[in-house]
Amino acid sequence: MSVMILLVICSILVAGGFLVAFLFATKGGQYDDLGTPPVRMLFEDDVAKSNDNQ
């Protein structure tokens, strides 16, 4: 039975860690722009073109 208590405590600590990481990413602006990243690969990169010409 003591193993079950240990597992519950560990799972709560892991879940809390994920919650802290999510809140940190949200405050840092990780999820601000949801529209651009899926279509970014469709546009050509000007930096890659300028490096090829050198």
PDB file of N, CA and C in Angstrom:
ATOM      1  N   MET A   1       0.816  -1.195   0.000  1.00  0.00           N
ATOM      2  CA  MET A   1       0.000   0.000   0.000  1.00  0.00           C
ATOM      3  C   MET A   1       0.860   1.260   0.000  1.00  0.00           C
ATOM      4  N   SER A   2       2.025   1.193   0.617  1.00  0.00           N
ATOM      5  CA  SER A   2       2.891   2.368   0.662  1.00  0.00           C
ATOM      6  C   SER A   2       3.430   2.701  -0.734  1.00  0.00           C
ATOM      7  N   VAL A   3       3.532   1.694  -1.594  1.00  0.00           N
ATOM      8  CA  VAL A   3       3.982   1.949  -2.965  1.00  0.00           C
ATOM      9  C   VAL A   3       2.937   2.772  -3.714  1.00  0.00           C
ATOM     10  N   MET A   4       1.671   2.512  -3.477  1.00  0.00           N
ATOM     11  CA  MET A   4       0.598   3.276  -4.117  1.00  0.00           C
ATOM     12  C   MET A   4       0.659   4.751  -3.704  1.00  0.00           C
ATOM     13  N   ILE A   5       0.916   5.003  -2.448  1.00  0.00           N
ATOM     14  CA  ILE A   5       1.019   6.383  -1.965  1.00  0.00           C
ATOM     15  C   ILE A   5       2.214   7.074  -2.617  1.00  0.00           C
ATOM     16  N   LEU A   6       3.314   6.363  -2.732  1.00  0.00           N
ATOM     17  CA  LEU A   6       4.505   6.918  -3.377  1.00  0.00           C
ATOM     18  C   LEU A   6       4.229   7.230  -4.848  1.00  0.00           C
ATOM     19  N   LEU A   7       3.533   6.336  -5.541  1.00  0.00           N
ATOM     20  CA  LEU A   7       3.207   6.561  -6.946  1.00  0.00           C
ATOM     21  C   LEU A   7       2.257   7.747  -7.131  1.00  0.00           C
ATOM     22  N   VAL A   8       1.308   7.896  -6.240  1.00  0.00           N
ATOM     23  CA  VAL A   8       0.380   9.026  -6.316  1.00  0.00           C
ATOM     24  C   VAL A   8       1.131  10.332  -6.101  1.00  0.00           C
ATOM     25  N   ILE A   9       2.019  10.371  -5.141  1.00  0.00           N
ATOM     26  CA  ILE A   9       2.807  11.570  -4.869  1.00  0.00           C
ATOM     27  C   ILE A   9       3.690  11.912  -6.064  1.00  0.00           C
ATOM     28  N   CYS A  10       4.337  10.901  -6.639  1.00  0.00           N
ATOM     29  CA  CYS A  10       5.185  11.140  -7.812  1.00  0.00           C
ATOM     30  C   CYS A  10       4.377  11.646  -8.998  1.00  0.00           C
ATOM     31  N   SER A  11       3.202  11.084  -9.214  1.00  0.00           N
ATOM     32  CA  SER A  11       2.388  11.525 -10.342  1.00  0.00           C
ATOM     33  C   SER A  11       1.884  12.952 -10.142  1.00  0.00           C
ATOM     34  N   ILE A  12       1.579  13.312  -8.908  1.00  0.00           N
ATOM     35  CA  ILE A  12       1.161  14.692  -8.629  1.00  0.00           C
ATOM     36  C   ILE A  12       2.324  15.653  -8.866  1.00  0.00           C
ATOM     37  N   LEU A  13       3.531  15.259  -8.488  1.00  0.00           N
ATOM     38  CA  LEU A  13       4.705  16.108  -8.726  1.00  0.00           C
ATOM     39  C   LEU A  13       4.975  16.269 -10.219  1.00  0.00           C
ATOM     40  N   VAL A  14       4.850  15.201 -10.986  1.00  0.00           N
ATOM     41  CA  VAL A  14       5.065  15.282 -12.436  1.00  0.00           C
ATOM     42  C   VAL A  14       3.996  16.158 -13.080  1.00  0.00           C
ATOM     43  N   ALA A  15       2.743  15.982 -12.687  1.00  0.00           N
ATOM     44  CA  ALA A  15       1.660  16.803 -13.225  1.00  0.00           C
ATOM     45  C   ALA A  15       1.877  18.267 -12.866  1.00  0.00           C
ATOM     46  N   GLY A  16       2.329  18.545 -11.668  1.00  0.00           N
ATOM     47  CA  GLY A  16       2.631  19.918 -11.270  1.00  0.00           C
ATOM     48  C   GLY A  16       3.767  20.505 -12.093  1.00  0.00           C
ATOM     49  N   GLY A  17       4.763  19.691 -12.403  1.00  0.00           N
ATOM     50  CA  GLY A  17       5.860  20.149 -13.252  1.00  0.00           C
ATOM     51  C   GLY A  17       5.385  20.516 -14.644  1.00  0.00           C
ATOM     52  N   PHE A  18       4.498  19.680 -15.204  1.00  0.00           N
ATOM     53  CA  PHE A  18       3.948  19.995 -16.515  1.00  0.00           C
ATOM     54  C   PHE A  18       3.085  21.259 -16.466  1.00  0.00           C
ATOM     55  N   LEU A  19       2.366  21.452 -15.389  1.00  0.00           N
ATOM     56  CA  LEU A  19       1.559  22.656 -15.240  1.00  0.00           C
ATOM     57  C   LEU A  19       2.444  23.901 -15.174  1.00  0.00           C
ATOM     58  N   VAL A  20       3.531  23.834 -14.433  1.00  0.00           N
ATOM     59  CA  VAL A  20       4.454  24.959 -14.334  1.00  0.00           C
ATOM     60  C   VAL A  20       5.084  25.242 -15.697  1.00  0.00           C
ATOM     61  N   ALA A  21       5.473  24.191 -16.427  1.00  0.00           N
ATOM     62  CA  ALA A  21       6.061  24.383 -17.757  1.00  0.00           C
ATOM     63  C   ALA A  21       5.051  25.012 -18.710  1.00  0.00           C
ATOM     64  N   PHE A  22       3.790  24.584 -18.640  1.00  0.00           N
ATOM     65  CA  PHE A  22       2.752  25.156 -19.496  1.00  0.00           C
ATOM     66  C   PHE A  22       2.530  26.623 -19.169  1.00  0.00           C
ATOM     67  N   LEU A  23       2.451  26.953 -17.901  1.00  0.00           N
ATOM     68  CA  LEU A  23       2.246  28.351 -17.508  1.00  0.00           C
ATOM     69  C   LEU A  23       3.436  29.212 -17.907  1.00  0.00           C
ATOM     70  N   PHE A  24       4.638  28.679 -17.783  1.00  0.00           N
ATOM     71  CA  PHE A  24       5.837  29.404 -18.191  1.00  0.00           C
ATOM     72  C   PHE A  24       5.817  29.670 -19.695  1.00  0.00           C
ATOM     73  N   ALA A  25       5.421  28.669 -20.491  1.00  0.00           N
ATOM     74  CA  ALA A  25       5.352  28.847 -21.939  1.00  0.00           C
ATOM     75  C   ALA A  25       4.255  29.826 -22.331  1.00  0.00           C
ATOM     76  N   THR A  26       3.142  29.796 -21.617  1.00  0.00           N
ATOM     77  CA  THR A  26       2.049  30.706 -21.919  1.00  0.00           C
ATOM     78  C   THR A  26       2.435  32.151 -21.602  1.00  0.00           C
ATOM     79  N   LYS A  27       3.094  32.371 -20.474  1.00  0.00           N
ATOM     80  CA  LYS A  27       3.527  33.724 -20.116  1.00  0.00           C
ATOM     81  C   LYS A  27       4.614  34.226 -21.056  1.00  0.00           C
ATOM     82  N   GLY A  28       5.401  33.318 -21.598  1.00  0.00           N
ATOM     83  CA  GLY A  28       6.482  33.693 -22.509  1.00  0.00           C
ATOM     84  C   GLY A  28       6.014  33.991 -23.915  1.00  0.00           C
ATOM     85  N   GLY A  29       4.733  33.792 -24.211  1.00  0.00           N
ATOM     86  CA  GLY A  29       4.209  34.105 -25.529  1.00  0.00           C
ATOM     87  C   GLY A  29       4.332  32.966 -26.529  1.00  0.00           C
ATOM     88  N   GLN A  30       4.521  31.770 -26.065  1.00  0.00           N
ATOM     89  CA  GLN A  30       4.688  30.612 -26.948  1.00  0.00           C
ATOM     90  C   GLN A  30       3.453  30.366 -27.798  1.00  0.00           C
ATOM     91  N   TYR A  31       2.282  30.661 -27.285  1.00  0.00           N
ATOM     92  CA  TYR A  31       1.037  30.339 -27.980  1.00  0.00           C
ATOM     93  C   TYR A  31       0.333  31.579 -28.523  1.00  0.00           C
ATOM     94  N   ASP A  32       1.049  32.668 -28.715  1.00  0.00           N
ATOM     95  CA  ASP A  32       0.426  33.905 -29.187  1.00  0.00           C
ATOM     96  C   ASP A  32       0.001  33.819 -30.650  1.00  0.00           C
ATOM     97  N   ASP A  33       0.866  33.301 -31.506  1.00  0.00           N
ATOM     98  CA  ASP A  33       0.599  33.278 -32.936  1.00  0.00           C
ATOM     99  C   ASP A  33       0.277  31.852 -33.371  1.00  0.00           C
ATOM    100  N   LEU A  34      -1.006  31.564 -33.560  1.00  0.00           N
ATOM    101  CA  LEU A  34      -1.423  30.214 -33.940  1.00  0.00           C
ATOM    102  C   LEU A  34      -1.661  30.077 -35.440  1.00  0.00           C
ATOM    103  N   GLY A  35      -1.676  31.186 -36.191  1.00  0.00           N
ATOM    104  CA  GLY A  35      -1.996  31.113 -37.609  1.00  0.00           C
ATOM    105  C   GLY A  35      -0.790  31.005 -38.530  1.00  0.00           C
ATOM    106  N   THR A  36       0.310  31.648 -38.173  1.00  0.00           N
ATOM    107  CA  THR A  36       1.461  31.706 -39.062  1.00  0.00           C
ATOM    108  C   THR A  36       2.269  30.406 -39.142  1.00  0.00           C
ATOM    109  N   PRO A  37       2.572  29.711 -38.057  1.00  0.00           N
ATOM    110  CA  PRO A  37       3.443  28.544 -38.156  1.00  0.00           C
ATOM    111  C   PRO A  37       2.980  27.445 -39.120  1.00  0.00           C
ATOM    112  N   PRO A  38       1.688  27.133 -39.233  1.00  0.00           N
ATOM    113  CA  PRO A  38       1.314  26.070 -40.182  1.00  0.00           C
ATOM    114  C   PRO A  38       1.551  26.444 -41.641  1.00  0.00           C
ATOM    115  N   VAL A  39       1.514  27.737 -41.976  1.00  0.00           N
ATOM    116  CA  VAL A  39       1.691  28.135 -43.367  1.00  0.00           C
ATOM    117  C   VAL A  39       3.075  28.699 -43.645  1.00  0.00           C
ATOM    118  N   ARG A  40       3.924  28.774 -42.644  1.00  0.00           N
ATOM    119  CA  ARG A  40       5.261  29.336 -42.826  1.00  0.00           C
ATOM    120  C   ARG A  40       6.077  28.533 -43.822  1.00  0.00           C
ATOM    121  N   MET A  41       5.902  27.230 -43.855  1.00  0.00           N
ATOM    122  CA  MET A  41       6.691  26.399 -44.767  1.00  0.00           C
ATOM    123  C   MET A  41       6.280  26.587 -46.227  1.00  0.00           C
ATOM    124  N   LEU A  42       5.146  27.233 -46.470  1.00  0.00           N
ATOM    125  CA  LEU A  42       4.685  27.442 -47.834  1.00  0.00           C
ATOM    126  C   LEU A  42       5.354  28.641 -48.498  1.00  0.00           C
ATOM    127  N   PHE A  43       5.929  29.538 -47.712  1.00  0.00           N
ATOM    128  CA  PHE A  43       6.572  30.730 -48.249  1.00  0.00           C
ATOM    129  C   PHE A  43       8.064  30.482 -48.426  1.00  0.00           C
ATOM    130  N   GLU A  44       8.642  31.100 -49.456  1.00  0.00           N
ATOM    131  CA  GLU A  44      10.073  30.946 -49.676  1.00  0.00           C
ATOM    132  C   GLU A  44      10.840  31.828 -48.702  1.00  0.00           C
ATOM    133  N   ASP A  45      11.998  31.345 -48.324  1.00  0.00           N
ATOM    134  CA  ASP A  45      12.821  32.050 -47.352  1.00  0.00           C
ATOM    135  C   ASP A  45      13.808  32.945 -48.088  1.00  0.00           C
ATOM    136  N   ASP A  46      13.742  34.257 -47.866  1.00  0.00           N
ATOM    137  CA  ASP A  46      14.639  35.194 -48.533  1.00  0.00           C
ATOM    138  C   ASP A  46      16.076  35.026 -48.065  1.00  0.00           C
ATOM    139  N   VAL A  47      16.274  34.626 -46.829  1.00  0.00           N
ATOM    140  CA  VAL A  47      17.621  34.450 -46.297  1.00  0.00           C
ATOM    141  C   VAL A  47      18.318  33.306 -47.030  1.00  0.00           C
ATOM    142  N   ALA A  48      17.619  32.234 -47.301  1.00  0.00           N
ATOM    143  CA  ALA A  48      18.222  31.102 -48.006  1.00  0.00           C
ATOM    144  C   ALA A  48      18.596  31.490 -49.423  1.00  0.00           C
ATOM    145  N   LYS A  49      17.803  32.320 -50.071  1.00  0.00           N
ATOM    146  CA  LYS A  49      18.117  32.768 -51.424  1.00  0.00           C
ATOM    147  C   LYS A  49      19.372  33.638 -51.433  1.00  0.00           C
ATOM    148  N   SER A  50      19.487  34.545 -50.463  1.00  0.00           N
ATOM    149  CA  SER A  50      20.650  35.432 -50.441  1.00  0.00           C
ATOM    150  C   SER A  50      21.931  34.672 -50.109  1.00  0.00           C
ATOM    151  N   ASN A  51      21.865  33.605 -49.314  1.00  0.00           N
ATOM    152  CA  ASN A  51      23.045  32.808 -49.000  1.00  0.00           C
ATOM    153  C   ASN A  51      23.486  31.970 -50.181  1.00  0.00           C
ATOM    154  N   ASP A  52      22.576  31.566 -51.049  1.00  0.00           N
ATOM    155  CA  ASP A  52      22.924  30.761 -52.225  1.00  0.00           C
ATOM    156  C   ASP A  52      23.658  31.597 -53.271  1.00  0.00           C
ATOM    157  N   ASN A  53      23.392  32.885 -53.324  1.00  0.00           N
ATOM    158  CA  ASN A  53      23.995  33.743 -54.334  1.00  0.00           C
ATOM    159  C   ASN A  53      25.425  34.138 -53.998  1.00  0.00           C
ATOM    160  N   GLN A  54      25.853  33.939 -52.793  1.00  0.00           N
ATOM    161  CA  GLN A  54      27.197  34.381 -52.393  1.00  0.00           C
ATOM    162  C   GLN A  54      28.246  33.457 -52.820  1.00  0.00           C
TER     163      GLN A  54
END
